[in-house]
Amino acid sequence: MVKYLKVLSVISTIGMLLILLGGALVTKTGSEDGCGDSWPLCEGEVVPSEFTFEMVVELSHRAVTGIVGIAVVLLAVLAWVKIGHIREVKFLSFSSVFFIILQALIGAAAVMWGQSDFVLAAHFGISLISFASVFLLMLLIFELDKKLDTEKLHIKKPHRIEIYAIFIYTMVVVYTGALVRHTESNLVCADWPFCSNGSPFAFADYSFNQWTQMGHRLAAGILFIWTLLLAVRMIKNYRNNKVMYWGWLITFSLIFLQVFFGAMIIFTLLNLGVALMHALVISIYFGMLSYFILLSTRSAKQEKTGSDF
């Protein structure tokens, strides 16, 4: 059964990434209204009589969401029944189903009634939480055969607090990035990292879109530096634990790639492939931070009970 759970969890996790990328593709290709204001139908029809590119993109995203949703529900039910004795499994099983439903409902509401850019920006954050729930459930399943060295890991309280803090801050950065996308502020600054457009310090002349873009760049820059410093400390303090050592190396590599693809969006004038990689990398980065959150809560529980997990 564990073998089948592993396979299903990997399929569900990859599927969640496809949903995230599909949502980004819908936004970046302007396909939000590909099916008009109809949901779950498309232009009021089960099978539209005529197809447009935007309609195909939107319908494909809905189809993937539906198929992956079934896989996630199946994973959650089987995990609850078979390995529900593990502390985090029932919570993550519930979260996996709850957030993918919430994600779909927010998307449906945006189609039928429309939403402001600020509300739509929150949709990507909900999608990330949904992905992280499935991703963590997958890692818990892989922990069953001791492939992940976490049994004797204890994360010190100051490090736990910083992990919680950077996780919350990452949500803020993700929101500002989604706001850039939904307000169509991607290319309002012709340069990188500054928004010179004539003068790098002409802040008083910035438009709302330029402030949105530069606010995201500043927030992302702080996150990059913070991740670097935290990764160095974590590797130094937990170098004997493979999960922490390689986990933080991967996490820093991801934030480095995120900054790189963010810059390349400007230099390639919003190349679609680059933009999708930008969305993919931040999703995996968020998943890694979520795993460190899970490990931190275990350490906190260990301190309270004075026992092993």
Protein backbone atom coordinates (compact mmCIF):
# COMPACT_ATOMS: atom_id res chain seq x y z
CA MET A 1 0.00 0.00 0.00
CA VAL A 2 2.85 2.39 0.79
CA LYS A 3 4.18 1.91 -2.74
CA TYR A 4 0.83 2.89 -4.26
CA LEU A 5 0.54 5.87 -1.91
CA LYS A 6 3.97 7.04 -3.05
CA VAL A 7 3.00 6.83 -6.70
CA LEU A 8 -0.31 8.61 -6.10
CA SER A 9 1.35 11.31 -4.01
CA VAL A 10 3.96 12.01 -6.72
CA ILE A 11 1.24 12.17 -9.39
CA SER A 12 -0.83 14.53 -7.22
CA THR A 13 2.15 16.78 -6.47
CA ILE A 14 3.13 17.04 -10.13
CA GLY A 15 -0.52 17.65 -10.94
CA MET A 16 -0.67 20.51 -8.44
CA LEU A 17 2.34 22.10 -10.13
CA LEU A 18 0.54 21.79 -13.46
CA ILE A 19 -2.46 23.58 -11.94
CA LEU A 20 -0.20 26.41 -10.73
CA LEU A 21 1.45 26.69 -14.13
CA GLY A 22 -1.93 26.47 -15.84
CA GLY A 23 -3.26 29.34 -13.74
CA ALA A 24 -0.19 31.41 -14.59
CA LEU A 25 -0.61 30.54 -18.27
CA VAL A 26 -4.26 31.64 -18.20
CA THR A 27 -3.28 35.01 -16.74
CA LYS A 28 -0.21 35.60 -18.88
CA THR A 29 -2.05 34.80 -22.13
CA GLY A 30 -5.08 36.87 -21.15
CA SER A 31 -7.33 33.80 -21.25
CA GLU A 32 -9.32 34.58 -18.09
CA ASP A 33 -12.42 35.31 -20.18
CA GLY A 34 -11.81 32.48 -22.66
CA CYS A 35 -15.15 30.92 -21.69
CA GLY A 36 -16.97 34.17 -21.03
CA ASP A 37 -18.70 34.36 -17.66
CA SER A 38 -19.76 30.69 -17.71
CA TRP A 39 -18.56 28.12 -15.18
CA PRO A 40 -18.26 25.13 -15.27
CA LEU A 41 -19.73 25.41 -18.78
CA CYS A 42 -17.89 27.32 -21.49
CA GLU A 43 -19.91 30.08 -23.17
CA GLY A 44 -22.95 28.29 -21.76
CA GLU A 45 -22.16 25.06 -23.59
CA VAL A 46 -20.69 21.72 -22.54
CA VAL A 47 -18.73 21.57 -25.81
CA PRO A 48 -18.36 24.99 -27.45
CA SER A 49 -19.30 25.15 -31.12
CA GLU A 50 -16.29 27.36 -31.88
CA PHE A 51 -12.87 27.38 -30.25
CA THR A 52 -10.42 30.20 -29.75
CA PHE A 53 -6.88 30.02 -28.35
CA GLU A 54 -7.99 31.65 -25.09
CA MET A 55 -10.88 29.20 -24.80
CA VAL A 56 -8.56 26.20 -25.24
CA VAL A 57 -6.19 27.51 -22.57
CA GLU A 58 -9.01 28.13 -20.09
CA LEU A 59 -10.72 24.79 -20.78
CA SER A 60 -7.41 22.91 -20.47
CA HIS A 61 -6.78 24.54 -17.10
CA ARG A 62 -10.25 23.58 -15.88
CA ALA A 63 -9.81 19.99 -17.10
CA VAL A 64 -6.43 19.58 -15.40
CA THR A 65 -7.82 21.06 -12.18
CA GLY A 66 -10.71 18.60 -12.22
CA ILE A 67 -8.55 15.52 -12.91
CA VAL A 68 -5.91 16.48 -10.35
CA GLY A 69 -8.65 17.30 -7.86
CA ILE A 70 -9.91 13.71 -8.06
CA ALA A 71 -6.34 12.41 -7.53
CA VAL A 72 -5.86 14.69 -4.50
CA VAL A 73 -9.14 13.58 -2.91
CA LEU A 74 -8.19 9.93 -3.44
CA LEU A 75 -4.73 10.54 -1.94
CA ALA A 76 -6.21 12.35 1.06
CA VAL A 77 -8.73 9.58 1.78
CA LEU A 78 -6.19 6.75 1.45
CA ALA A 79 -3.59 8.58 3.52
CA TRP A 80 -6.19 9.31 6.24
CA VAL A 81 -7.24 5.65 6.36
CA LYS A 82 -3.84 3.96 5.99
CA ILE A 83 -1.38 6.26 7.77
CA GLY A 84 -3.68 8.54 9.74
CA HIS A 85 -1.80 7.62 12.94
CA ILE A 86 1.05 9.92 11.86
CA ARG A 87 0.54 13.26 13.58
CA GLU A 88 0.38 15.57 10.56
CA VAL A 89 -1.38 13.29 8.05
CA LYS A 90 -5.02 14.02 8.91
CA PHE A 91 -4.46 17.78 9.00
CA LEU A 92 -2.65 17.75 5.65
CA SER A 93 -5.23 15.40 4.11
CA PHE A 94 -8.01 17.80 5.08
CA SER A 95 -6.00 20.84 3.95
CA SER A 96 -5.21 19.25 0.59
CA VAL A 97 -8.89 18.80 -0.21
CA PHE A 98 -10.10 22.04 1.39
CA PHE A 99 -7.66 24.33 -0.41
CA ILE A 100 -8.01 22.76 -3.85
CA ILE A 101 -11.79 23.23 -3.54
CA LEU A 102 -11.30 26.80 -2.29
CA GLN A 103 -8.90 27.46 -5.14
CA ALA A 104 -11.45 26.21 -7.70
CA LEU A 105 -14.28 28.24 -6.14
CA ILE A 106 -12.24 31.47 -6.19
CA GLY A 107 -11.41 30.84 -9.83
CA ALA A 108 -15.07 30.19 -10.59
CA ALA A 109 -16.12 33.39 -8.77
CA ALA A 110 -13.60 35.39 -10.80
CA VAL A 111 -15.06 33.99 -14.03
CA MET A 112 -18.73 34.54 -13.16
CA TRP A 113 -18.63 37.84 -11.26
CA GLY A 114 -15.15 39.25 -11.79
CA GLN A 115 -12.82 40.34 -9.02
CA SER A 116 -10.45 43.22 -8.34
CA ASP A 117 -6.74 42.81 -9.07
CA PHE A 118 -6.05 42.71 -5.33
CA VAL A 119 -8.44 39.78 -4.81
CA LEU A 120 -7.17 37.92 -7.86
CA ALA A 121 -3.59 38.28 -6.59
CA ALA A 122 -4.61 36.31 -3.49
CA HIS A 123 -5.68 33.40 -5.73
CA PHE A 124 -2.08 32.43 -6.44
CA GLY A 125 -1.32 32.40 -2.70
CA ILE A 126 -4.23 30.02 -2.10
CA SER A 127 -2.92 27.84 -4.93
CA LEU A 128 0.51 27.73 -3.27
CA ILE A 129 -0.97 26.61 0.05
CA SER A 130 -2.92 23.93 -1.81
CA PHE A 131 0.25 22.72 -3.51
CA ALA A 132 2.23 22.80 -0.26
CA SER A 133 -0.37 20.62 1.50
CA VAL A 134 -0.09 17.92 -1.16
CA PHE A 135 3.70 18.28 -1.32
CA LEU A 136 4.04 17.79 2.45
CA LEU A 137 1.70 14.80 2.37
CA MET A 138 3.98 13.26 -0.27
CA LEU A 139 7.06 13.83 1.89
CA LEU A 140 5.35 12.27 4.91
CA ILE A 141 4.61 9.17 2.84
CA PHE A 142 8.24 8.99 1.74
CA GLU A 143 9.32 9.27 5.39
CA LEU A 144 7.64 5.95 6.13
CA ASP A 145 10.57 3.88 4.83
CA LYS A 146 13.14 6.15 6.53
CA LYS A 147 14.41 7.55 3.24
CA LEU A 148 14.34 11.02 4.78
CA ASP A 149 16.64 11.48 7.77
CA THR A 150 14.38 13.40 10.16
CA GLU A 151 13.94 11.15 13.21
CA LYS A 152 16.75 12.67 15.30
CA LEU A 153 16.50 16.18 13.88
CA HIS A 154 15.92 18.96 16.39
CA ILE A 155 15.70 22.54 15.13
CA LYS A 156 16.61 25.09 17.78
CA LYS A 157 13.98 27.62 18.86
CA PRO A 158 15.69 30.76 17.39
CA HIS A 159 15.98 28.97 14.04
CA ARG A 160 12.36 27.86 14.21
CA ILE A 161 11.20 31.42 14.81
CA GLU A 162 13.19 32.64 11.82
CA ILE A 163 11.75 29.88 9.62
CA TYR A 164 8.23 30.94 10.65
CA ALA A 165 9.09 34.57 9.92
CA ILE A 166 10.59 33.98 6.47
CA PHE A 167 7.61 31.79 5.57
CA ILE A 168 5.17 34.59 6.39
CA TYR A 169 7.34 37.12 4.59
CA THR A 170 7.45 34.87 1.52
CA MET A 171 3.65 34.99 1.39
CA VAL A 172 3.88 38.79 1.24
CA VAL A 173 6.45 38.63 -1.58
CA VAL A 174 4.31 36.13 -3.49
CA TYR A 175 1.31 38.43 -3.16
CA THR A 176 3.24 41.41 -4.51
CA GLY A 177 4.43 39.28 -7.43
CA ALA A 178 0.88 38.17 -8.22
CA LEU A 179 -0.22 41.80 -7.98
CA VAL A 180 2.41 42.74 -10.57
CA ARG A 181 0.94 40.12 -12.90
CA HIS A 182 -2.71 41.04 -12.40
CA THR A 183 -2.15 44.81 -12.68
CA GLU A 184 -0.12 44.19 -15.86
CA SER A 185 2.93 45.86 -14.33
CA ASN A 186 5.47 43.32 -15.63
CA LEU A 187 7.13 45.58 -18.20
CA VAL A 188 6.47 49.07 -16.84
CA CYS A 189 10.17 49.29 -15.94
CA ALA A 190 12.46 48.85 -18.92
CA ASP A 191 15.53 48.21 -16.76
CA TRP A 192 16.56 45.85 -13.98
CA PRO A 193 17.11 46.00 -11.02
CA PHE A 194 16.16 49.69 -11.05
CA CYS A 195 13.27 51.35 -12.81
CA SER A 196 15.27 54.16 -14.37
CA ASN A 197 13.35 54.92 -17.57
CA GLY A 198 15.62 57.95 -17.73
CA SER A 199 16.66 58.37 -14.09
CA PRO A 200 17.13 55.62 -11.46
CA PHE A 201 16.03 57.96 -8.65
CA ALA A 202 12.95 59.54 -10.22
CA PHE A 203 10.67 58.07 -7.53
CA ALA A 204 8.31 61.05 -7.53
CA ASP A 205 7.46 60.36 -11.16
CA TYR A 206 6.58 56.69 -10.65
CA SER A 207 3.11 55.57 -11.66
CA PHE A 208 1.07 53.10 -9.56
CA ASN A 209 2.25 50.26 -11.80
CA GLN A 210 5.90 51.25 -11.41
CA TRP A 211 5.56 51.41 -7.64
CA THR A 212 3.93 47.96 -7.74
CA GLN A 213 6.81 46.58 -9.79
CA MET A 214 9.54 48.19 -7.70
CA GLY A 215 7.85 47.24 -4.45
CA HIS A 216 7.94 43.61 -5.56
CA ARG A 217 11.59 43.87 -6.62
CA LEU A 218 12.58 45.34 -3.25
CA ALA A 219 10.63 42.66 -1.36
CA ALA A 220 12.15 39.91 -3.53
CA GLY A 221 15.66 41.31 -3.03
CA ILE A 222 15.23 41.22 0.75
CA LEU A 223 13.93 37.64 0.51
CA PHE A 224 16.98 36.64 -1.55
CA ILE A 225 19.44 38.07 0.99
CA TRP A 226 17.49 36.65 3.93
CA THR A 227 17.38 33.18 2.36
CA LEU A 228 21.13 33.30 1.69
CA LEU A 229 21.99 34.27 5.28
CA LEU A 230 19.54 31.76 6.77
CA ALA A 231 20.77 28.96 4.50
CA VAL A 232 24.37 29.61 5.57
CA ARG A 233 23.41 29.42 9.26
CA MET A 234 21.28 26.31 8.79
CA ILE A 235 23.99 24.47 6.85
CA LYS A 236 26.55 25.47 9.48
CA ASN A 237 24.42 24.32 12.42
CA TYR A 238 22.90 21.18 10.89
CA ARG A 239 25.56 20.02 8.46
CA ASN A 240 25.34 16.46 9.82
CA ASN A 241 21.68 16.16 8.86
CA LYS A 242 21.20 15.46 5.16
CA VAL A 243 17.66 16.80 5.03
CA MET A 244 18.68 20.18 6.46
CA TYR A 245 21.99 20.36 4.59
CA TRP A 246 20.67 19.52 1.14
CA GLY A 247 17.27 21.06 1.82
CA TRP A 248 18.73 24.50 2.45
CA LEU A 249 21.15 24.20 -0.47
CA ILE A 250 18.15 23.46 -2.70
CA THR A 251 16.13 26.28 -1.12
CA PHE A 252 18.83 28.86 -1.77
CA SER A 253 19.33 27.56 -5.31
CA LEU A 254 15.61 28.04 -5.91
CA ILE A 255 15.57 31.65 -4.70
CA PHE A 256 18.63 32.35 -6.86
CA LEU A 257 16.79 30.94 -9.88
CA GLN A 258 13.71 32.94 -8.93
CA VAL A 259 15.64 36.21 -9.03
CA PHE A 260 17.30 35.16 -12.29
CA PHE A 261 14.00 34.38 -14.01
CA GLY A 262 12.49 37.57 -12.59
CA ALA A 263 15.24 39.59 -14.28
CA MET A 264 14.94 37.58 -17.49
CA ILE A 265 11.24 38.46 -17.70
CA ILE A 266 12.35 42.07 -18.26
CA PHE A 267 15.23 41.27 -20.62
CA THR A 268 13.13 38.87 -22.75
CA LEU A 269 10.11 41.20 -22.74
CA LEU A 270 7.86 38.78 -20.87
CA ASN A 271 8.81 35.58 -22.66
CA LEU A 272 6.09 33.06 -21.80
CA GLY A 273 8.48 30.19 -20.99
CA VAL A 274 10.55 32.40 -18.68
CA ALA A 275 7.42 33.70 -16.95
CA LEU A 276 6.16 30.16 -16.33
CA MET A 277 9.55 29.12 -14.91
CA HIS A 278 9.30 32.12 -12.57
CA ALA A 279 5.97 30.76 -11.28
CA LEU A 280 7.27 27.18 -11.07
CA VAL A 281 10.40 28.00 -9.07
CA ILE A 282 8.61 30.09 -6.42
CA SER A 283 6.09 27.27 -5.99
CA ILE A 284 8.81 24.72 -5.22
CA TYR A 285 10.62 27.24 -2.98
CA PHE A 286 7.41 27.75 -1.02
CA GLY A 287 7.01 23.98 -0.75
CA MET A 288 10.52 23.66 0.72
CA LEU A 289 9.82 26.35 3.31
CA SER A 290 6.58 24.56 4.19
CA TYR A 291 8.56 21.39 4.90
CA PHE A 292 10.89 23.29 7.22
CA ILE A 293 7.79 24.63 8.97
CA LEU A 294 6.60 21.06 9.49
CA LEU A 295 9.99 20.00 10.86
CA SER A 296 10.02 23.03 13.15
CA THR A 297 6.62 22.19 14.63
CA ARG A 298 7.93 18.69 15.36
CA SER A 299 10.89 20.13 17.21
CA ALA A 300 8.63 22.43 19.19
CA LYS A 301 6.46 19.46 20.18
CA GLN A 302 9.55 17.50 21.16
CA GLU A 303 10.63 20.29 23.50
CA LYS A 304 7.19 20.34 25.12
CA THR A 305 6.94 16.60 25.68
CA GLY A 306 10.64 15.96 26.11
CA SER A 307 10.31 12.87 23.92
CA ASP A 308 11.10 11.70 20.41
CA PHE A 309 8.53 11.84 17.59
